[in-house]
Amino acid sequence: MSTVNTQAEKGVVYLVGAGPGDPELLTLKAARLLGSADVVLHDDLVPEPVLALANPRALTMSVGKRCGFKRISQAGIHTLMVDSARRNLSVERLKSGDPLVFGRAGEEIQALRAAGIRYEVVPGITAAFGAAASLGVSLTDRRAASKLIFATGHHAVNKEQSMPIWSGPLPEDATLLVYMPGRDYSGLRADLVRSGVAMDMPCVAVSRAATPQQQVNTSTLAGLCGINPGPAPVLLLIGRAMEHVLEGNGVELREVMHQLVEDGQQLNVQPVQS
């Protein structure tokens, strides 16, 4: 039997997905690299239980941005990655969720290529998938949705900030996932209404998805402006596939398991007969 023993290589930069926040949702490769890297440059959204898995001898630095406040510029992050790799150090650029989903990985990959630095991308569980798992709903339930659309309310500094999050017709059989939607949903609601989206379209705001602090608030498009988004980071899920959550039929797995423990119940799992 072959063994898996991934160790961070000297002079290599790893763009690693930390998942939605639960350290048990890290991939094995992400955890092993985190435990062996010389330098860890992490987003602010990566929680302490994940950072606790880092190599105790590593230089660990937050390079994230919260509520518009930057600890360091994006160009500064590029410089840290390149300079560290050139000093023959292994570098883990640790990003919440998946590094290739609204994680600025494209800019960082371009900078590493331009500098001739070896790099590797290690995928992670993005927030939308963590949220759907915690809610117990399928984002592509074939009875309601055959399309997934990823969108963000945050744009690069050289792009027009007033750009709509969504414009044009939204397919009836789509689930729209809005990352970083902000706190005021009036603009998004107006954009969707202009696009012809029905006022009874289900909307679910998930705060701190797939963590013990997860909060879920629901509405239809008609009441979206009054929804309480909860603490950042927040994800909006919009579409017919969310109807069961609004009806109270979505299974919030963490709440179910906690209740079983409190009640002293045990799961009765029958073995499969071969």
C-alpha atoms as a PDB file:
ATOM      1  CA  MET A   1       0.000   0.000   0.000  1.00  0.00           C
ATOM      2  CA  SER A   2       1.374   3.398  -0.934  1.00  0.00           C
ATOM      3  CA  THR A   3       1.544   6.068   1.755  1.00  0.00           C
ATOM      4  CA  VAL A   4       0.680   9.746   1.462  1.00  0.00           C
ATOM      5  CA  ASN A   5       3.256  11.992   3.065  1.00  0.00           C
ATOM      6  CA  THR A   6       3.072  15.409   1.440  1.00  0.00           C
ATOM      7  CA  GLN A   7       5.715  17.852   2.650  1.00  0.00           C
ATOM      8  CA  ALA A   8       6.116  21.437   1.515  1.00  0.00           C
ATOM      9  CA  GLU A   9       9.071  21.767  -0.880  1.00  0.00           C
ATOM     10  CA  LYS A  10      11.647  24.500  -0.511  1.00  0.00           C
ATOM     11  CA  GLY A  11      11.309  27.331  -3.010  1.00  0.00           C
ATOM     12  CA  VAL A  12       7.706  26.471  -3.872  1.00  0.00           C
ATOM     13  CA  VAL A  13       4.579  28.562  -3.209  1.00  0.00           C
ATOM     14  CA  TYR A  14       1.352  26.682  -2.470  1.00  0.00           C
ATOM     15  CA  LEU A  15      -1.997  28.413  -3.009  1.00  0.00           C
ATOM     16  CA  VAL A  16      -4.110  26.411  -0.578  1.00  0.00           C
ATOM     17  CA  GLY A  17      -7.827  26.375   0.169  1.00  0.00           C
ATOM     18  CA  ALA A  18      -8.603  26.353   3.906  1.00  0.00           C
ATOM     19  CA  GLY A  19     -12.265  25.484   3.376  1.00  0.00           C
ATOM     20  CA  PRO A  20     -15.134  27.346   5.065  1.00  0.00           C
ATOM     21  CA  GLY A  21     -13.568  27.309   8.540  1.00  0.00           C
ATOM     22  CA  ASP A  22     -14.007  23.890  10.110  1.00  0.00           C
ATOM     23  CA  PRO A  23     -10.500  22.362  10.372  1.00  0.00           C
ATOM     24  CA  GLU A  24     -11.972  18.909   9.743  1.00  0.00           C
ATOM     25  CA  LEU A  25     -12.993  20.092   6.276  1.00  0.00           C
ATOM     26  CA  LEU A  26      -9.372  20.696   5.265  1.00  0.00           C
ATOM     27  CA  THR A  27      -8.030  18.273   2.697  1.00  0.00           C
ATOM     28  CA  LEU A  28      -5.272  15.948   3.872  1.00  0.00           C
ATOM     29  CA  LYS A  29      -2.857  17.650   1.501  1.00  0.00           C
ATOM     30  CA  ALA A  30      -3.729  21.122   2.806  1.00  0.00           C
ATOM     31  CA  ALA A  31      -3.194  20.018   6.410  1.00  0.00           C
ATOM     32  CA  ARG A  32       0.131  18.326   5.654  1.00  0.00           C
ATOM     33  CA  LEU A  33       1.446  21.328   3.758  1.00  0.00           C
ATOM     34  CA  LEU A  34       0.302  23.635   6.543  1.00  0.00           C
ATOM     35  CA  GLY A  35       2.172  21.531   9.059  1.00  0.00           C
ATOM     36  CA  SER A  36       5.439  21.652   7.116  1.00  0.00           C
ATOM     37  CA  ALA A  37       5.595  25.059   5.360  1.00  0.00           C
ATOM     38  CA  ASP A  38       8.252  27.573   6.429  1.00  0.00           C
ATOM     39  CA  VAL A  39       6.032  30.599   5.754  1.00  0.00           C
ATOM     40  CA  VAL A  40       2.226  30.837   6.063  1.00  0.00           C
ATOM     41  CA  LEU A  41       0.525  33.902   4.570  1.00  0.00           C
ATOM     42  CA  HIS A  42      -3.153  33.642   5.446  1.00  0.00           C
ATOM     43  CA  ASP A  43      -6.421  35.476   4.914  1.00  0.00           C
ATOM     44  CA  ASP A  44      -8.106  37.077   7.925  1.00  0.00           C
ATOM     45  CA  LEU A  45     -11.059  34.729   7.449  1.00  0.00           C
ATOM     46  CA  VAL A  46      -8.944  31.647   8.204  1.00  0.00           C
ATOM     47  CA  PRO A  47      -9.845  30.845  11.843  1.00  0.00           C
ATOM     48  CA  GLU A  48      -7.498  30.028  14.700  1.00  0.00           C
ATOM     49  CA  PRO A  49      -8.364  26.295  14.836  1.00  0.00           C
ATOM     50  CA  VAL A  50      -7.020  25.978  11.274  1.00  0.00           C
ATOM     51  CA  LEU A  51      -3.955  28.137  11.937  1.00  0.00           C
ATOM     52  CA  ALA A  52      -3.195  25.992  14.999  1.00  0.00           C
ATOM     53  CA  LEU A  53      -2.230  23.217  12.566  1.00  0.00           C
ATOM     54  CA  ALA A  54       0.619  25.302  11.133  1.00  0.00           C
ATOM     55  CA  ASN A  55       4.253  24.337  11.538  1.00  0.00           C
ATOM     56  CA  PRO A  56       5.162  25.758  14.977  1.00  0.00           C
ATOM     57  CA  ARG A  57       8.454  27.029  13.529  1.00  0.00           C
ATOM     58  CA  ALA A  58       6.783  28.771  10.588  1.00  0.00           C
ATOM     59  CA  LEU A  59       6.571  32.510  10.100  1.00  0.00           C
ATOM     60  CA  THR A  60       2.804  33.027  10.131  1.00  0.00           C
ATOM     61  CA  MET A  61       1.391  36.337   8.930  1.00  0.00           C
ATOM     62  CA  SER A  62      -2.108  37.635   8.222  1.00  0.00           C
ATOM     63  CA  VAL A  63      -2.271  39.357   4.844  1.00  0.00           C
ATOM     64  CA  GLY A  64      -6.036  39.619   4.576  1.00  0.00           C
ATOM     65  CA  LYS A  65      -8.550  42.411   4.354  1.00  0.00           C
ATOM     66  CA  ARG A  66     -11.586  42.862   6.601  1.00  0.00           C
ATOM     67  CA  CYS A  67     -14.276  45.524   6.313  1.00  0.00           C
ATOM     68  CA  GLY A  68     -12.243  47.392   3.705  1.00  0.00           C
ATOM     69  CA  PHE A  69      -9.099  47.631   5.861  1.00  0.00           C
ATOM     70  CA  LYS A  70      -5.975  46.183   4.239  1.00  0.00           C
ATOM     71  CA  ARG A  71      -3.047  44.975   6.302  1.00  0.00           C
ATOM     72  CA  ILE A  72      -0.936  44.864   3.149  1.00  0.00           C
ATOM     73  CA  SER A  73      -1.474  45.621  -0.538  1.00  0.00           C
ATOM     74  CA  GLN A  74      -1.923  42.869  -3.105  1.00  0.00           C
ATOM     75  CA  ALA A  75       1.433  43.855  -4.613  1.00  0.00           C
ATOM     76  CA  GLY A  76       2.956  43.487  -1.149  1.00  0.00           C
ATOM     77  CA  ILE A  77       1.608  39.938  -0.905  1.00  0.00           C
ATOM     78  CA  HIS A  78       3.213  39.133  -4.263  1.00  0.00           C
ATOM     79  CA  THR A  79       6.534  40.460  -2.983  1.00  0.00           C
ATOM     80  CA  LEU A  80       6.347  38.380   0.205  1.00  0.00           C
ATOM     81  CA  MET A  81       5.627  35.190  -1.743  1.00  0.00           C
ATOM     82  CA  VAL A  82       8.352  35.755  -4.329  1.00  0.00           C
ATOM     83  CA  ASP A  83      11.049  36.904  -1.886  1.00  0.00           C
ATOM     84  CA  SER A  84      10.355  34.009   0.509  1.00  0.00           C
ATOM     85  CA  ALA A  85      10.535  31.429  -2.285  1.00  0.00           C
ATOM     86  CA  ARG A  86      13.777  32.957  -3.602  1.00  0.00           C
ATOM     87  CA  ARG A  87      15.260  32.490  -0.128  1.00  0.00           C
ATOM     88  CA  ASN A  88      14.540  28.776  -0.575  1.00  0.00           C
ATOM     89  CA  LEU A  89      11.642  28.758   1.878  1.00  0.00           C
ATOM     90  CA  SER A  90       8.417  26.823   1.363  1.00  0.00           C
ATOM     91  CA  VAL A  91       5.428  29.159   1.310  1.00  0.00           C
ATOM     92  CA  GLU A  92       1.757  28.433   1.931  1.00  0.00           C
ATOM     93  CA  ARG A  93      -0.637  31.147   0.790  1.00  0.00           C
ATOM     94  CA  LEU A  94      -3.670  30.023   2.795  1.00  0.00           C
ATOM     95  CA  LYS A  95      -7.031  31.255   1.554  1.00  0.00           C
ATOM     96  CA  SER A  96     -10.489  30.702   2.991  1.00  0.00           C
ATOM     97  CA  GLY A  97     -12.733  28.430   0.940  1.00  0.00           C
ATOM     98  CA  ASP A  98     -11.242  27.513  -2.421  1.00  0.00           C
ATOM     99  CA  PRO A  99      -8.340  29.636  -3.706  1.00  0.00           C
ATOM    100  CA  LEU A 100      -9.744  29.771  -7.241  1.00  0.00           C
ATOM    101  CA  VAL A 101     -13.191  31.100  -6.241  1.00  0.00           C
ATOM    102  CA  PHE A 102     -13.038  34.882  -5.688  1.00  0.00           C
ATOM    103  CA  GLY A 103      -9.658  34.476  -3.964  1.00  0.00           C
ATOM    104  CA  ARG A 104      -7.374  36.670  -6.146  1.00  0.00           C
ATOM    105  CA  ALA A 105      -5.480  33.536  -7.098  1.00  0.00           C
ATOM    106  CA  GLY A 106      -5.306  34.669 -10.723  1.00  0.00           C
ATOM    107  CA  GLU A 107      -3.297  37.753  -9.801  1.00  0.00           C
ATOM    108  CA  GLU A 108      -0.990  35.776  -7.532  1.00  0.00           C
ATOM    109  CA  ILE A 109      -0.399  33.052 -10.113  1.00  0.00           C
ATOM    110  CA  GLN A 110       0.473  35.719 -12.681  1.00  0.00           C
ATOM    111  CA  ALA A 111       2.978  37.296 -10.284  1.00  0.00           C
ATOM    112  CA  LEU A 112       4.598  33.924  -9.506  1.00  0.00           C
ATOM    113  CA  ARG A 113       4.859  33.043 -13.191  1.00  0.00           C
ATOM    114  CA  ALA A 114       6.416  36.402 -14.001  1.00  0.00           C
ATOM    115  CA  ALA A 115       9.012  35.850 -11.266  1.00  0.00           C
ATOM    116  CA  GLY A 116       9.758  32.292 -12.373  1.00  0.00           C
ATOM    117  CA  ILE A 117       8.610  30.807  -9.046  1.00  0.00           C
ATOM    118  CA  ARG A 118       7.245  27.276  -8.896  1.00  0.00           C
ATOM    119  CA  TYR A 119       3.735  27.065  -7.481  1.00  0.00           C
ATOM    120  CA  GLU A 120       0.951  24.580  -6.877  1.00  0.00           C
ATOM    121  CA  VAL A 121      -2.774  25.077  -6.280  1.00  0.00           C
ATOM    122  CA  VAL A 122      -4.462  22.934  -3.621  1.00  0.00           C
ATOM    123  CA  PRO A 123      -8.275  23.156  -3.845  1.00  0.00           C
ATOM    124  CA  GLY A 124     -10.548  23.561  -0.849  1.00  0.00           C
ATOM    125  CA  ILE A 125     -14.257  23.422  -0.059  1.00  0.00           C
ATOM    126  CA  THR A 126     -15.802  26.703  -1.100  1.00  0.00           C
ATOM    127  CA  ALA A 127     -18.309  28.443   1.182  1.00  0.00           C
ATOM    128  CA  ALA A 128     -21.337  27.641  -0.990  1.00  0.00           C
ATOM    129  CA  PHE A 129     -20.712  23.901  -0.770  1.00  0.00           C
ATOM    130  CA  GLY A 130     -20.127  24.095   2.976  1.00  0.00           C
ATOM    131  CA  ALA A 131     -23.342  26.067   3.425  1.00  0.00           C
ATOM    132  CA  ALA A 132     -25.384  23.639   1.324  1.00  0.00           C
ATOM    133  CA  ALA A 133     -24.021  20.684   3.289  1.00  0.00           C
ATOM    134  CA  SER A 134     -24.909  22.305   6.621  1.00  0.00           C
ATOM    135  CA  LEU A 135     -28.400  23.140   5.367  1.00  0.00           C
ATOM    136  CA  GLY A 136     -28.899  19.650   3.973  1.00  0.00           C
ATOM    137  CA  VAL A 137     -29.986  20.926   0.561  1.00  0.00           C
ATOM    138  CA  SER A 138     -28.779  20.236  -2.962  1.00  0.00           C
ATOM    139  CA  LEU A 139     -27.755  23.273  -4.979  1.00  0.00           C
ATOM    140  CA  THR A 140     -28.609  21.327  -8.131  1.00  0.00           C
ATOM    141  CA  ASP A 141     -31.712  19.404  -7.088  1.00  0.00           C
ATOM    142  CA  ARG A 142     -32.797  18.294 -10.548  1.00  0.00           C
ATOM    143  CA  ARG A 143     -36.434  19.014  -9.702  1.00  0.00           C
ATOM    144  CA  ALA A 144     -35.608  22.701  -9.232  1.00  0.00           C
ATOM    145  CA  ALA A 145     -32.143  23.624 -10.499  1.00  0.00           C
ATOM    146  CA  SER A 146     -29.839  22.520 -13.295  1.00  0.00           C
ATOM    147  CA  LYS A 147     -27.512  25.539 -13.230  1.00  0.00           C
ATOM    148  CA  LEU A 148     -25.139  27.088 -10.697  1.00  0.00           C
ATOM    149  CA  ILE A 149     -24.148  30.746 -11.030  1.00  0.00           C
ATOM    150  CA  PHE A 150     -21.320  32.190  -8.916  1.00  0.00           C
ATOM    151  CA  ALA A 151     -21.281  35.963  -8.417  1.00  0.00           C
ATOM    152  CA  THR A 152     -19.606  38.434  -6.078  1.00  0.00           C
ATOM    153  CA  GLY A 153     -20.489  41.828  -4.703  1.00  0.00           C
ATOM    154  CA  HIS A 154     -16.803  42.811  -4.491  1.00  0.00           C
ATOM    155  CA  HIS A 155     -14.794  44.080  -7.456  1.00  0.00           C
ATOM    156  CA  ALA A 156     -11.162  44.970  -8.106  1.00  0.00           C
ATOM    157  CA  VAL A 157     -10.198  48.568  -7.390  1.00  0.00           C
ATOM    158  CA  ASN A 158      -9.914  49.387 -11.087  1.00  0.00           C
ATOM    159  CA  LYS A 159     -13.479  48.241 -11.814  1.00  0.00           C
ATOM    160  CA  GLU A 160     -16.636  50.253 -11.447  1.00  0.00           C
ATOM    161  CA  GLN A 161     -17.939  49.630  -7.923  1.00  0.00           C
ATOM    162  CA  SER A 162     -21.510  50.443  -8.944  1.00  0.00           C
ATOM    163  CA  MET A 163     -21.627  47.498 -11.336  1.00  0.00           C
ATOM    164  CA  PRO A 164     -24.706  45.375 -10.621  1.00  0.00           C
ATOM    165  CA  ILE A 165     -24.138  42.016  -8.936  1.00  0.00           C
ATOM    166  CA  TRP A 166     -26.573  40.564 -11.450  1.00  0.00           C
ATOM    167  CA  SER A 167     -28.010  41.881 -14.701  1.00  0.00           C
ATOM    168  CA  GLY A 168     -30.037  40.246 -17.433  1.00  0.00           C
ATOM    169  CA  PRO A 169     -32.501  37.372 -17.159  1.00  0.00           C
ATOM    170  CA  LEU A 170     -31.907  34.848 -14.382  1.00  0.00           C
ATOM    171  CA  PRO A 171     -32.852  31.327 -15.489  1.00  0.00           C
ATOM    172  CA  GLU A 172     -35.736  29.910 -13.470  1.00  0.00           C
ATOM    173  CA  ASP A 173     -33.779  26.671 -12.991  1.00  0.00           C
ATOM    174  CA  ALA A 174     -30.634  28.337 -11.613  1.00  0.00           C
ATOM    175  CA  THR A 175     -29.223  28.681  -8.115  1.00  0.00           C
ATOM    176  CA  LEU A 176     -27.476  32.035  -7.750  1.00  0.00           C
ATOM    177  CA  LEU A 177     -24.618  32.107  -5.218  1.00  0.00           C
ATOM    178  CA  VAL A 178     -23.558  35.616  -4.182  1.00  0.00           C
ATOM    179  CA  TYR A 179     -20.269  35.883  -2.298  1.00  0.00           C
ATOM    180  CA  MET A 180     -19.463  39.077  -0.332  1.00  0.00           C
ATOM    181  CA  PRO A 181     -22.906  40.601  -0.975  1.00  0.00           C
ATOM    182  CA  GLY A 182     -22.405  43.455   1.499  1.00  0.00           C
ATOM    183  CA  ARG A 183     -24.973  44.537   4.091  1.00  0.00           C
ATOM    184  CA  ASP A 184     -27.494  46.433   1.971  1.00  0.00           C
ATOM    185  CA  TYR A 185     -29.408  44.189  -0.432  1.00  0.00           C
ATOM    186  CA  SER A 186     -31.657  46.861  -1.913  1.00  0.00           C
ATOM    187  CA  GLY A 187     -29.506  47.198  -5.046  1.00  0.00           C
ATOM    188  CA  LEU A 188     -29.362  43.442  -5.621  1.00  0.00           C
ATOM    189  CA  ARG A 189     -33.099  43.149  -5.075  1.00  0.00           C
ATOM    190  CA  ALA A 190     -33.754  45.937  -7.593  1.00  0.00           C
ATOM    191  CA  ASP A 191     -31.412  44.292 -10.140  1.00  0.00           C
ATOM    192  CA  LEU A 192     -33.199  40.944  -9.793  1.00  0.00           C
ATOM    193  CA  VAL A 193     -36.650  42.514  -9.999  1.00  0.00           C
ATOM    194  CA  ARG A 194     -35.648  44.356 -13.180  1.00  0.00           C
ATOM    195  CA  SER A 195     -34.408  41.037 -14.554  1.00  0.00           C
ATOM    196  CA  GLY A 196     -37.860  39.546 -14.091  1.00  0.00           C
ATOM    197  CA  VAL A 197     -37.150  37.346 -11.078  1.00  0.00           C
ATOM    198  CA  ALA A 198     -40.366  36.427  -9.248  1.00  0.00           C
ATOM    199  CA  MET A 199     -41.013  38.131  -5.916  1.00  0.00           C
ATOM    200  CA  ASP A 200     -41.522  34.756  -4.230  1.00  0.00           C
ATOM    201  CA  MET A 201     -38.045  33.526  -5.185  1.00  0.00           C
ATOM    202  CA  PRO A 202     -36.416  31.984  -2.079  1.00  0.00           C
ATOM    203  CA  CYS A 203     -33.373  33.774  -0.644  1.00  0.00           C
ATOM    204  CA  VAL A 204     -31.131  32.385   2.108  1.00  0.00           C
ATOM    205  CA  ALA A 205     -28.359  34.342   3.852  1.00  0.00           C
ATOM    206  CA  VAL A 206     -25.772  32.118   5.520  1.00  0.00           C
ATOM    207  CA  SER A 207     -23.315  33.743   7.899  1.00  0.00           C
ATOM    208  CA  ARG A 208     -20.053  31.946   8.752  1.00  0.00           C
ATOM    209  CA  ALA A 209     -21.063  28.867   6.810  1.00  0.00           C
ATOM    210  CA  ALA A 210     -20.136  25.398   8.053  1.00  0.00           C
ATOM    211  CA  THR A 211     -18.729  26.643  11.362  1.00  0.00           C
ATOM    212  CA  PRO A 212     -20.195  26.386  14.888  1.00  0.00           C
ATOM    213  CA  GLN A 213     -21.094  30.097  14.561  1.00  0.00           C
ATOM    214  CA  GLN A 214     -23.210  29.567  11.433  1.00  0.00           C
ATOM    215  CA  GLN A 215     -26.390  31.663  11.229  1.00  0.00           C
ATOM    216  CA  VAL A 216     -29.141  31.184   8.663  1.00  0.00           C
ATOM    217  CA  ASN A 217     -31.739  33.798   7.758  1.00  0.00           C
ATOM    218  CA  THR A 218     -34.366  33.379   5.076  1.00  0.00           C
ATOM    219  CA  SER A 219     -36.703  35.479   2.986  1.00  0.00           C
ATOM    220  CA  THR A 220     -38.250  35.731  -0.428  1.00  0.00           C
ATOM    221  CA  LEU A 221     -37.048  38.302  -2.940  1.00  0.00           C
ATOM    222  CA  ALA A 222     -39.909  40.536  -1.845  1.00  0.00           C
ATOM    223  CA  GLY A 223     -38.491  40.815   1.672  1.00  0.00           C
ATOM    224  CA  LEU A 224     -34.786  40.612   0.850  1.00  0.00           C
ATOM    225  CA  CYS A 225     -34.079  44.179   1.979  1.00  0.00           C
ATOM    226  CA  GLY A 226     -35.272  43.334   5.481  1.00  0.00           C
ATOM    227  CA  ILE A 227     -33.232  40.173   5.921  1.00  0.00           C
ATOM    228  CA  ASN A 228     -30.652  40.086   8.716  1.00  0.00           C
ATOM    229  CA  PRO A 229     -27.445  38.913   7.022  1.00  0.00           C
ATOM    230  CA  GLY A 230     -25.597  38.105  10.249  1.00  0.00           C
ATOM    231  CA  PRO A 231     -21.862  38.576  10.876  1.00  0.00           C
ATOM    232  CA  ALA A 232     -19.408  38.464   7.970  1.00  0.00           C
ATOM    233  CA  PRO A 233     -18.533  36.485   5.962  1.00  0.00           C
ATOM    234  CA  VAL A 234     -21.980  36.099   4.433  1.00  0.00           C
ATOM    235  CA  LEU A 235     -23.158  34.121   1.434  1.00  0.00           C
ATOM    236  CA  LEU A 236     -26.489  34.593  -0.340  1.00  0.00           C
ATOM    237  CA  LEU A 237     -28.188  31.611  -1.980  1.00  0.00           C
ATOM    238  CA  ILE A 238     -31.069  32.472  -4.290  1.00  0.00           C
ATOM    239  CA  GLY A 239     -33.201  30.018  -6.237  1.00  0.00           C
ATOM    240  CA  ARG A 240     -35.998  27.453  -6.200  1.00  0.00           C
ATOM    241  CA  ALA A 241     -33.646  24.833  -4.775  1.00  0.00           C
ATOM    242  CA  MET A 242     -33.818  26.805  -1.498  1.00  0.00           C
ATOM    243  CA  GLU A 243     -37.587  26.415  -1.088  1.00  0.00           C
ATOM    244  CA  HIS A 244     -37.243  23.619   1.459  1.00  0.00           C
ATOM    245  CA  VAL A 245     -35.121  25.869   3.669  1.00  0.00           C
ATOM    246  CA  LEU A 246     -37.860  28.515   3.705  1.00  0.00           C
ATOM    247  CA  GLU A 247     -40.460  25.850   4.420  1.00  0.00           C
ATOM    248  CA  GLY A 248     -38.469  24.628   7.390  1.00  0.00           C
ATOM    249  CA  ASN A 249     -37.739  21.284   5.760  1.00  0.00           C
ATOM    250  CA  GLY A 250     -34.024  21.908   5.297  1.00  0.00           C
ATOM    251  CA  VAL A 251     -31.968  19.817   7.689  1.00  0.00           C
ATOM    252  CA  GLU A 252     -29.408  21.868   9.592  1.00  0.00           C
ATOM    253  CA  LEU A 253     -27.105  18.971  10.416  1.00  0.00           C
ATOM    254  CA  ARG A 254     -25.208  20.633  13.225  1.00  0.00           C
ATOM    255  CA  GLU A 255     -28.418  21.444  15.109  1.00  0.00           C
ATOM    256  CA  VAL A 256     -29.706  17.898  14.659  1.00  0.00           C
ATOM    257  CA  MET A 257     -26.497  16.329  15.942  1.00  0.00           C
ATOM    258  CA  HIS A 258     -26.284  18.717  18.898  1.00  0.00           C
ATOM    259  CA  GLN A 259     -29.879  17.913  19.827  1.00  0.00           C
ATOM    260  CA  LEU A 260     -29.182  14.170  19.665  1.00  0.00           C
ATOM    261  CA  VAL A 261     -26.263  14.622  22.040  1.00  0.00           C
ATOM    262  CA  GLU A 262     -28.317  16.733  24.427  1.00  0.00           C
ATOM    263  CA  ASP A 263     -31.102  14.169  24.433  1.00  0.00           C
ATOM    264  CA  GLY A 264     -28.637  11.357  25.059  1.00  0.00           C
ATOM    265  CA  GLN A 265     -29.721   9.554  21.915  1.00  0.00           C
ATOM    266  CA  GLN A 266     -27.537   7.346  19.790  1.00  0.00           C
ATOM    267  CA  LEU A 267     -27.703   6.766  16.086  1.00  0.00           C
ATOM    268  CA  ASN A 268     -28.738   3.207  15.300  1.00  0.00           C
ATOM    269  CA  VAL A 269     -26.757   2.330  12.170  1.00  0.00           C
ATOM    270  CA  GLN A 270     -27.424  -1.112  10.757  1.00  0.00           C
ATOM    271  CA  PRO A 271     -24.534  -2.861   8.982  1.00  0.00           C
ATOM    272  CA  VAL A 272     -24.911  -3.481   5.285  1.00  0.00           C
ATOM    273  CA  GLN A 273     -25.401  -7.142   4.506  1.00  0.00           C
ATOM    274  CA  SER A 274     -22.940  -8.417   1.917  1.00  0.00           C
END
